[in-house]
C-alpha atoms as a PDB file:
ATOM      1  CA  MET A   1      -0.217  -0.246  -0.180  1.00  0.00           C
ATOM      2  CA  ALA A   2       1.916   2.970  -1.362  1.00  0.00           C
ATOM      3  CA  CYS A   3      -0.546   5.542   0.079  1.00  0.00           C
ATOM      4  CA  GLU A   4      -0.159   5.524   3.896  1.00  0.00           C
ATOM      5  CA  ALA A   5      -1.730   8.793   4.726  1.00  0.00           C
ATOM      6  CA  LEU A   6      -5.031  10.807   3.662  1.00  0.00           C
ATOM      7  CA  ILE A   7      -4.962  14.207   4.873  1.00  0.00           C
ATOM      8  CA  SER A   8      -8.010  16.613   4.117  1.00  0.00           C
ATOM      9  CA  ASP A   9      -9.030  20.083   4.315  1.00  0.00           C
ATOM     10  CA  TRP A  10     -12.378  20.933   6.149  1.00  0.00           C
ATOM     11  CA  ASN A  11     -14.379  23.980   4.803  1.00  0.00           C
ATOM     12  CA  GLY A  12     -15.449  23.153   1.288  1.00  0.00           C
ATOM     13  CA  THR A  13     -14.054  19.744   1.452  1.00  0.00           C
ATOM     14  CA  LEU A  14     -15.675  17.626   4.341  1.00  0.00           C
ATOM     15  CA  ILE A  15     -18.370  20.242   4.762  1.00  0.00           C
ATOM     16  CA  GLN A  16     -20.363  22.222   2.215  1.00  0.00           C
ATOM     17  CA  TYR A  17     -19.743  25.308   4.060  1.00  0.00           C
ATOM     18  CA  ARG A  18     -16.895  27.189   2.350  1.00  0.00           C
ATOM     19  CA  SER A  19     -15.748  29.200   5.256  1.00  0.00           C
ATOM     20  CA  GLU A  20     -16.428  29.219   8.977  1.00  0.00           C
ATOM     21  CA  MET A  21     -18.859  32.208   8.696  1.00  0.00           C
ATOM     22  CA  PRO A  22     -22.058  30.005   9.630  1.00  0.00           C
ATOM     23  CA  ALA A  23     -20.353  28.898  12.875  1.00  0.00           C
ATOM     24  CA  LEU A  24     -19.104  32.669  13.683  1.00  0.00           C
ATOM     25  CA  GLU A  25     -22.188  34.253  12.906  1.00  0.00           C
ATOM     26  CA  ARG A  26     -23.744  31.904  15.554  1.00  0.00           C
ATOM     27  CA  VAL A  27     -20.991  33.101  18.105  1.00  0.00           C
ATOM     28  CA  GLY A  28     -21.955  36.465  17.280  1.00  0.00           C
ATOM     29  CA  VAL A  29     -25.681  35.826  18.029  1.00  0.00           C
ATOM     30  CA  ALA A  30     -24.493  34.134  21.313  1.00  0.00           C
ATOM     31  CA  ALA A  31     -22.264  36.988  22.118  1.00  0.00           C
ATOM     32  CA  PHE A  32     -25.280  39.542  21.816  1.00  0.00           C
ATOM     33  CA  ARG A  33     -27.502  37.376  23.782  1.00  0.00           C
ATOM     34  CA  ALA A  34     -24.955  36.925  26.643  1.00  0.00           C
ATOM     35  CA  SER A  35     -24.723  40.754  26.858  1.00  0.00           C
ATOM     36  CA  ILE A  36     -28.586  41.379  27.672  1.00  0.00           C
ATOM     37  CA  PRO A  37     -29.188  42.983  30.195  1.00  0.00           C
ATOM     38  CA  PHE A  38     -26.045  43.313  32.077  1.00  0.00           C
ATOM     39  CA  HIS A  39     -23.385  44.136  29.586  1.00  0.00           C
ATOM     40  CA  PRO A  40     -25.401  46.802  27.513  1.00  0.00           C
ATOM     41  CA  LEU A  41     -22.025  48.515  26.115  1.00  0.00           C
ATOM     42  CA  ARG A  42     -20.855  45.255  24.757  1.00  0.00           C
ATOM     43  CA  ALA A  43     -24.421  44.735  23.265  1.00  0.00           C
ATOM     44  CA  VAL A  44     -24.085  48.172  21.434  1.00  0.00           C
ATOM     45  CA  ARG A  45     -20.403  47.404  20.432  1.00  0.00           C
ATOM     46  CA  ILE A  46     -21.607  44.031  18.942  1.00  0.00           C
ATOM     47  CA  LEU A  47     -24.310  45.853  16.938  1.00  0.00           C
ATOM     48  CA  LYS A  48     -21.977  48.371  15.424  1.00  0.00           C
ATOM     49  CA  ALA A  49     -19.686  45.332  14.564  1.00  0.00           C
ATOM     50  CA  ARG A  50     -22.533  43.596  12.594  1.00  0.00           C
ATOM     51  CA  GLY A  51     -23.051  46.647  10.580  1.00  0.00           C
ATOM     52  CA  GLN A  52     -19.228  46.870   9.954  1.00  0.00           C
ATOM     53  CA  LEU A  53     -19.114  43.256   9.074  1.00  0.00           C
ATOM     54  CA  ARG A  54     -22.072  43.844   6.630  1.00  0.00           C
ATOM     55  CA  ALA A  55     -20.251  46.665   4.940  1.00  0.00           C
ATOM     56  CA  ILE A  56     -17.109  44.721   4.303  1.00  0.00           C
ATOM     57  CA  ARG A  57     -19.248  41.575   2.948  1.00  0.00           C
ATOM     58  CA  ARG A  58     -20.927  44.266   0.383  1.00  0.00           C
ATOM     59  CA  GLN A  59     -17.458  44.918  -1.112  1.00  0.00           C
ATOM     60  CA  GLY A  60     -17.807  42.000  -3.162  1.00  0.00           C
ATOM     61  CA  ARG A  61     -14.486  40.387  -2.444  1.00  0.00           C
ATOM     62  CA  PRO A  62     -14.088  36.715  -2.518  1.00  0.00           C
ATOM     63  CA  ASP A  63     -14.453  34.655   0.651  1.00  0.00           C
ATOM     64  CA  THR A  64     -10.941  33.304   0.090  1.00  0.00           C
ATOM     65  CA  ASP A  65      -9.089  36.701  -0.292  1.00  0.00           C
ATOM     66  CA  PHE A  66      -6.862  36.931   2.553  1.00  0.00           C
ATOM     67  CA  ASP A  67      -7.386  40.813   3.001  1.00  0.00           C
ATOM     68  CA  PHE A  68     -10.917  40.160   3.049  1.00  0.00           C
ATOM     69  CA  ILE A  69     -10.584  37.677   5.760  1.00  0.00           C
ATOM     70  CA  LYS A  70      -8.268  39.596   7.850  1.00  0.00           C
ATOM     71  CA  ASP A  71     -10.682  42.832   7.782  1.00  0.00           C
ATOM     72  CA  MET A  72     -13.453  40.447   8.882  1.00  0.00           C
ATOM     73  CA  PHE A  73     -11.558  38.901  11.701  1.00  0.00           C
ATOM     74  CA  ARG A  74     -10.329  42.120  12.923  1.00  0.00           C
ATOM     75  CA  VAL A  75     -13.767  43.583  13.564  1.00  0.00           C
ATOM     76  CA  PHE A  76     -15.013  40.262  14.829  1.00  0.00           C
ATOM     77  CA  ASN A  77     -12.074  39.930  17.347  1.00  0.00           C
ATOM     78  CA  GLN A  78     -12.127  43.319  18.663  1.00  0.00           C
ATOM     79  CA  LYS A  79     -15.770  44.092  18.529  1.00  0.00           C
ATOM     80  CA  VAL A  80     -17.449  40.895  19.098  1.00  0.00           C
ATOM     81  CA  VAL A  81     -15.557  38.253  21.044  1.00  0.00           C
ATOM     82  CA  SER A  82     -12.765  39.781  23.040  1.00  0.00           C
ATOM     83  CA  GLY A  83     -13.487  39.502  26.637  1.00  0.00           C
ATOM     84  CA  LEU A  84     -16.274  37.044  26.178  1.00  0.00           C
ATOM     85  CA  PRO A  85     -16.580  34.097  28.503  1.00  0.00           C
ATOM     86  CA  THR A  86     -15.165  31.105  26.983  1.00  0.00           C
ATOM     87  CA  SER A  87     -18.220  28.943  28.058  1.00  0.00           C
ATOM     88  CA  VAL A  88     -20.251  31.347  25.733  1.00  0.00           C
ATOM     89  CA  VAL A  89     -18.274  30.557  22.670  1.00  0.00           C
ATOM     90  CA  GLU A  90     -18.038  26.734  23.607  1.00  0.00           C
ATOM     91  CA  ALA A  91     -21.757  26.412  23.853  1.00  0.00           C
ATOM     92  CA  SER A  92     -22.540  28.225  20.811  1.00  0.00           C
ATOM     93  CA  PHE A  93     -20.058  25.725  18.706  1.00  0.00           C
ATOM     94  CA  ASP A  94     -21.809  23.072  20.526  1.00  0.00           C
ATOM     95  CA  ARG A  95     -25.282  24.117  19.260  1.00  0.00           C
ATOM     96  CA  TYR A  96     -23.774  24.590  15.848  1.00  0.00           C
ATOM     97  CA  SER A  97     -22.334  21.078  15.826  1.00  0.00           C
ATOM     98  CA  LYS A  98     -25.523  19.463  16.853  1.00  0.00           C
ATOM     99  CA  SER A  99     -28.021  21.328  14.271  1.00  0.00           C
ATOM    100  CA  ALA A 100     -29.658  19.244  11.798  1.00  0.00           C
ATOM    101  CA  GLU A 101     -28.603  21.703   9.112  1.00  0.00           C
ATOM    102  CA  THR A 102     -24.862  21.564  10.048  1.00  0.00           C
ATOM    103  CA  GLN A 103     -24.986  17.889  10.037  1.00  0.00           C
ATOM    104  CA  SER A 104     -26.857  17.896   6.620  1.00  0.00           C
ATOM    105  CA  MET A 105     -23.925  19.681   5.023  1.00  0.00           C
ATOM    106  CA  LEU A 106     -21.291  17.067   5.678  1.00  0.00           C
ATOM    107  CA  ASP A 107     -20.096  15.306   2.633  1.00  0.00           C
ATOM    108  CA  LEU A 108     -20.563  11.460   3.735  1.00  0.00           C
ATOM    109  CA  ARG A 109     -18.825  10.359   0.603  1.00  0.00           C
ATOM    110  CA  LEU A 110     -15.492  11.435   1.890  1.00  0.00           C
ATOM    111  CA  LEU A 111     -16.129  10.873   5.541  1.00  0.00           C
ATOM    112  CA  ARG A 112     -16.902   6.988   4.425  1.00  0.00           C
ATOM    113  CA  LEU A 113     -13.712   6.643   2.525  1.00  0.00           C
ATOM    114  CA  ILE A 114     -11.868   8.364   5.424  1.00  0.00           C
ATOM    115  CA  ARG A 115     -13.170   5.980   7.766  1.00  0.00           C
ATOM    116  CA  GLU A 116     -12.282   2.655   5.682  1.00  0.00           C
ATOM    117  CA  SER A 117      -8.731   4.165   5.088  1.00  0.00           C
ATOM    118  CA  HIS A 118      -8.283   4.419   8.898  1.00  0.00           C
ATOM    119  CA  GLU A 119      -9.793   1.107   9.414  1.00  0.00           C
ATOM    120  CA  GLU A 120      -7.173  -0.231   6.967  1.00  0.00           C
ATOM    121  CA  GLY A 121      -4.471   1.157   8.818  1.00  0.00           C
ATOM    122  CA  ARG A 122      -3.639   4.524   6.981  1.00  0.00           C
ATOM    123  CA  THR A 123      -2.802   7.794   9.061  1.00  0.00           C
ATOM    124  CA  THR A 124      -5.871  10.360   8.493  1.00  0.00           C
ATOM    125  CA  GLY A 125      -5.936  13.728   9.535  1.00  0.00           C
ATOM    126  CA  ILE A 126      -7.405  17.313   8.838  1.00  0.00           C
ATOM    127  CA  LEU A 127      -5.437  20.551   8.170  1.00  0.00           C
ATOM    128  CA  SER A 128      -7.831  23.349   8.121  1.00  0.00           C
ATOM    129  CA  ALA A 129      -8.002  27.014   8.486  1.00  0.00           C
ATOM    130  CA  GLY A 130     -11.362  26.462  10.302  1.00  0.00           C
ATOM    131  CA  TYR A 131     -11.456  26.034  14.192  1.00  0.00           C
ATOM    132  CA  ARG A 132     -10.595  22.822  15.809  1.00  0.00           C
ATOM    133  CA  TYR A 133     -13.197  23.025  18.697  1.00  0.00           C
ATOM    134  CA  GLY A 134     -15.856  23.361  16.209  1.00  0.00           C
ATOM    135  CA  ILE A 135     -14.581  20.742  13.721  1.00  0.00           C
ATOM    136  CA  GLU A 136     -14.158  18.094  16.357  1.00  0.00           C
ATOM    137  CA  ARG A 137     -17.593  18.692  17.946  1.00  0.00           C
ATOM    138  CA  VAL A 138     -19.274  18.239  14.382  1.00  0.00           C
ATOM    139  CA  LEU A 139     -17.420  15.076  13.536  1.00  0.00           C
ATOM    140  CA  THR A 140     -18.207  13.859  17.234  1.00  0.00           C
ATOM    141  CA  VAL A 141     -21.747  14.330  16.858  1.00  0.00           C
ATOM    142  CA  ALA A 142     -21.588  12.624  13.243  1.00  0.00           C
ATOM    143  CA  GLY A 143     -19.778   9.720  14.653  1.00  0.00           C
ATOM    144  CA  TYR A 144     -16.579  10.246  12.817  1.00  0.00           C
ATOM    145  CA  ARG A 145     -14.048  11.987  14.892  1.00  0.00           C
ATOM    146  CA  ARG A 146     -12.296   8.770  16.041  1.00  0.00           C
ATOM    147  CA  HIS A 147     -11.649   7.996  12.457  1.00  0.00           C
ATOM    148  CA  PHE A 148      -8.932  10.920  12.292  1.00  0.00           C
ATOM    149  CA  ASP A 149      -5.675  10.565  13.825  1.00  0.00           C
ATOM    150  CA  PHE A 150      -5.312  14.515  14.291  1.00  0.00           C
ATOM    151  CA  CYS A 151      -6.929  17.793  13.672  1.00  0.00           C
ATOM    152  CA  GLU A 152      -4.488  20.557  12.600  1.00  0.00           C
ATOM    153  CA  ALA A 153      -6.765  23.830  12.841  1.00  0.00           C
ATOM    154  CA  ASP A 154      -6.916  27.264  14.041  1.00  0.00           C
ATOM    155  CA  GLU A 155      -7.948  28.030  17.883  1.00  0.00           C
ATOM    156  CA  PHE A 156      -9.577  30.632  19.923  1.00  0.00           C
ATOM    157  CA  ARG A 157      -7.187  31.996  22.452  1.00  0.00           C
ATOM    158  CA  SER A 158      -8.574  32.450  25.847  1.00  0.00           C
ATOM    159  CA  GLU A 159      -7.275  33.315  29.365  1.00  0.00           C
ATOM    160  CA  ASP A 160      -8.843  33.148  32.777  1.00  0.00           C
ATOM    161  CA  GLY A 161     -11.826  32.168  31.261  1.00  0.00           C
ATOM    162  CA  ARG A 162     -12.142  34.960  28.633  1.00  0.00           C
ATOM    163  CA  VAL A 163     -11.716  34.944  24.926  1.00  0.00           C
ATOM    164  CA  ILE A 164      -8.778  36.994  23.614  1.00  0.00           C
ATOM    165  CA  GLU A 165      -9.137  36.302  19.853  1.00  0.00           C
ATOM    166  CA  PHE A 166      -9.807  33.808  17.150  1.00  0.00           C
ATOM    167  CA  GLY A 167      -6.631  33.023  15.715  1.00  0.00           C
ATOM    168  CA  LEU A 168      -5.880  33.352  11.913  1.00  0.00           C
ATOM    169  CA  ASN A 169      -2.571  31.270  11.690  1.00  0.00           C
ATOM    170  CA  ILE A 170      -3.323  28.203   9.218  1.00  0.00           C
ATOM    171  CA  TYR A 171      -4.332  30.112   6.077  1.00  0.00           C
ATOM    172  CA  ARG A 172      -1.631  30.775   3.593  1.00  0.00           C
ATOM    173  CA  ASN A 173       0.546  28.606   5.781  1.00  0.00           C
ATOM    174  CA  LYS A 174      -0.839  25.099   4.691  1.00  0.00           C
ATOM    175  CA  ALA A 175       2.223  23.770   2.864  1.00  0.00           C
ATOM    176  CA  LYS A 176       4.780  24.545   5.644  1.00  0.00           C
ATOM    177  CA  ILE A 177       2.261  23.184   8.158  1.00  0.00           C
ATOM    178  CA  LEU A 178       2.062  20.067   6.117  1.00  0.00           C
ATOM    179  CA  HIS A 179       5.650  19.511   5.689  1.00  0.00           C
ATOM    180  CA  ARG A 180       5.940  19.682   9.839  1.00  0.00           C
ATOM    181  CA  LEU A 181       2.900  17.299  10.151  1.00  0.00           C
ATOM    182  CA  LEU A 182       4.761  14.748   7.842  1.00  0.00           C
ATOM    183  CA  ALA A 183       7.880  14.729   9.479  1.00  0.00           C
ATOM    184  CA  GLU A 184       6.326  14.636  12.892  1.00  0.00           C
ATOM    185  CA  ARG A 185       4.754  11.344  11.874  1.00  0.00           C
ATOM    186  CA  HIS A 186       7.545  10.070   9.994  1.00  0.00           C
ATOM    187  CA  LEU A 187       5.597   9.997   6.978  1.00  0.00           C
ATOM    188  CA  GLU A 188       6.836  10.422   3.344  1.00  0.00           C
ATOM    189  CA  ALA A 189       5.082  13.226   0.813  1.00  0.00           C
ATOM    190  CA  ALA A 190       5.467  10.358  -1.665  1.00  0.00           C
ATOM    191  CA  GLN A 191       3.179   8.219   0.614  1.00  0.00           C
ATOM    192  CA  ALA A 192       0.506  10.937   1.287  1.00  0.00           C
ATOM    193  CA  ALA A 193      -2.687  11.916  -0.324  1.00  0.00           C
ATOM    194  CA  TYR A 194      -4.160  15.377   0.432  1.00  0.00           C
ATOM    195  CA  ILE A 195      -7.983  16.425  -0.439  1.00  0.00           C
ATOM    196  CA  GLY A 196      -8.701  20.163  -0.761  1.00  0.00           C
ATOM    197  CA  ASP A 197     -11.097  22.468  -2.624  1.00  0.00           C
ATOM    198  CA  SER A 198      -9.611  25.846  -2.852  1.00  0.00           C
ATOM    199  CA  GLU A 199      -6.414  27.927  -3.891  1.00  0.00           C
ATOM    200  CA  ASP A 200      -5.131  27.645  -0.160  1.00  0.00           C
ATOM    201  CA  ASP A 201      -4.810  23.970  -0.743  1.00  0.00           C
ATOM    202  CA  GLU A 202      -2.515  24.118  -3.994  1.00  0.00           C
ATOM    203  CA  GLY A 203       0.669  24.293  -2.014  1.00  0.00           C
ATOM    204  CA  CYS A 204      -0.299  20.778  -0.551  1.00  0.00           C
ATOM    205  CA  PHE A 205      -0.883  19.438  -3.888  1.00  0.00           C
ATOM    206  CA  GLU A 206       2.536  20.104  -5.022  1.00  0.00           C
ATOM    207  CA  ILE A 207       3.861  18.368  -2.060  1.00  0.00           C
ATOM    208  CA  VAL A 208       2.101  15.042  -2.102  1.00  0.00           C
ATOM    209  CA  ARG A 209       2.056  12.403  -4.553  1.00  0.00           C
ATOM    210  CA  TYR A 210      -1.674  11.766  -4.413  1.00  0.00           C
ATOM    211  CA  PRO A 211      -3.529  15.402  -4.795  1.00  0.00           C
ATOM    212  CA  VAL A 212      -7.133  15.033  -5.119  1.00  0.00           C
ATOM    213  CA  VAL A 213      -9.832  17.782  -5.427  1.00  0.00           C
ATOM    214  CA  ALA A 214     -12.801  17.334  -3.321  1.00  0.00           C
ATOM    215  CA  PHE A 215     -16.251  16.708  -4.636  1.00  0.00           C
ATOM    216  CA  LEU A 216     -17.351  19.992  -3.563  1.00  0.00           C
ATOM    217  CA  ALA A 217     -14.746  21.914  -5.178  1.00  0.00           C
ATOM    218  CA  PRO A 218     -15.862  24.532  -7.844  1.00  0.00           C
ATOM    219  CA  HIS A 219     -15.622  23.147 -11.543  1.00  0.00           C
ATOM    220  CA  ASP A 220     -13.125  25.566 -12.842  1.00  0.00           C
ATOM    221  CA  PHE A 221     -10.802  24.773  -9.911  1.00  0.00           C
ATOM    222  CA  LYS A 222     -10.936  20.911 -10.603  1.00  0.00           C
ATOM    223  CA  LEU A 223      -9.867  21.565 -14.337  1.00  0.00           C
ATOM    224  CA  LYS A 224      -6.988  23.914 -13.232  1.00  0.00           C
ATOM    225  CA  CYS A 225      -5.613  21.405 -10.445  1.00  0.00           C
ATOM    226  CA  ALA A 226      -6.105  18.437 -12.886  1.00  0.00           C
ATOM    227  CA  ARG A 227      -4.025  20.381 -15.391  1.00  0.00           C
ATOM    228  CA  GLU A 228      -1.383  22.346 -13.131  1.00  0.00           C
ATOM    229  CA  TYR A 229      -0.477  19.301 -10.361  1.00  0.00           C
ATOM    230  CA  GLY A 230      -1.875  16.324 -12.064  1.00  0.00           C
ATOM    231  CA  ALA A 231      -4.463  16.033  -9.397  1.00  0.00           C
ATOM    232  CA  PHE A 232      -7.303  13.327  -9.271  1.00  0.00           C
ATOM    233  CA  VAL A 233     -10.814  14.607  -9.813  1.00  0.00           C
ATOM    234  CA  PRO A 234     -13.162  11.981  -8.718  1.00  0.00           C
ATOM    235  CA  ASP A 235     -16.629  11.694 -10.272  1.00  0.00           C
ATOM    236  CA  SER A 236     -18.101   9.463  -7.767  1.00  0.00           C
ATOM    237  CA  GLU A 237     -17.425   7.655  -4.311  1.00  0.00           C
ATOM    238  CA  ALA A 238     -16.663   4.604  -6.180  1.00  0.00           C
ATOM    239  CA  SER A 239     -13.919   6.206  -8.503  1.00  0.00           C
ATOM    240  CA  LEU A 240     -12.127   7.688  -5.555  1.00  0.00           C
ATOM    241  CA  ARG A 241     -12.250   4.415  -3.722  1.00  0.00           C
ATOM    242  CA  GLU A 242     -10.698   2.721  -6.618  1.00  0.00           C
ATOM    243  CA  TYR A 243      -7.996   5.554  -6.787  1.00  0.00           C
ATOM    244  CA  LEU A 244      -7.082   5.310  -3.123  1.00  0.00           C
ATOM    245  CA  LEU A 245      -6.995   1.390  -3.468  1.00  0.00           C
ATOM    246  CA  ARG A 246      -4.661   1.910  -6.438  1.00  0.00           C
ATOM    247  CA  ALA A 247      -2.518   4.327  -4.789  1.00  0.00           C
END
């Protein structure tokens, strides 16, 4: 078995949401509710932040544009979550993870194949710019968390039970982090597959021997990665299973 590791992105790959915005919007709502009636100034600050975030989104920049993401998180961190009790954030992620809508967005085709790969002895993991706490909670509810050996993702930092900020450390750094993960687990890039859906995954496609474009990826991205990186573009669960069996 030449392919010994199967590493996957999260947003747009294992779940249909292409960004963390659905989860973070729930955090924002929870932050507002937790501010009423005892923290009126924080509630006003959150309402102002909501307007700023909407204004940024109306600029029409792509969700994957790094400057767009940084602008959104600057407002979110400074005006919404800074100083918020950690328990409020965790409870919000828990509700998001358990919701029928969130669970319906999972790509079970990939999750089933990852489960099979893990049971066959391959190393399986996630490398994502999403938030580890939420990712792991969603997978736990779905019954798949135990089929991943690791989840390398962003964190929200806290101190003394209060949130400091939501980190933004994985985006644009995936290739470097993938090299580290392979080294730490004594895996060769020539023995690894990576599954992704966006330009942030292209550096990982260049590293591994078995690049795979996610089912949920845009059509133009599939064509580009097949052409530039020789990435495999599965058209069904069966075709991807066959590819992994041959790898």
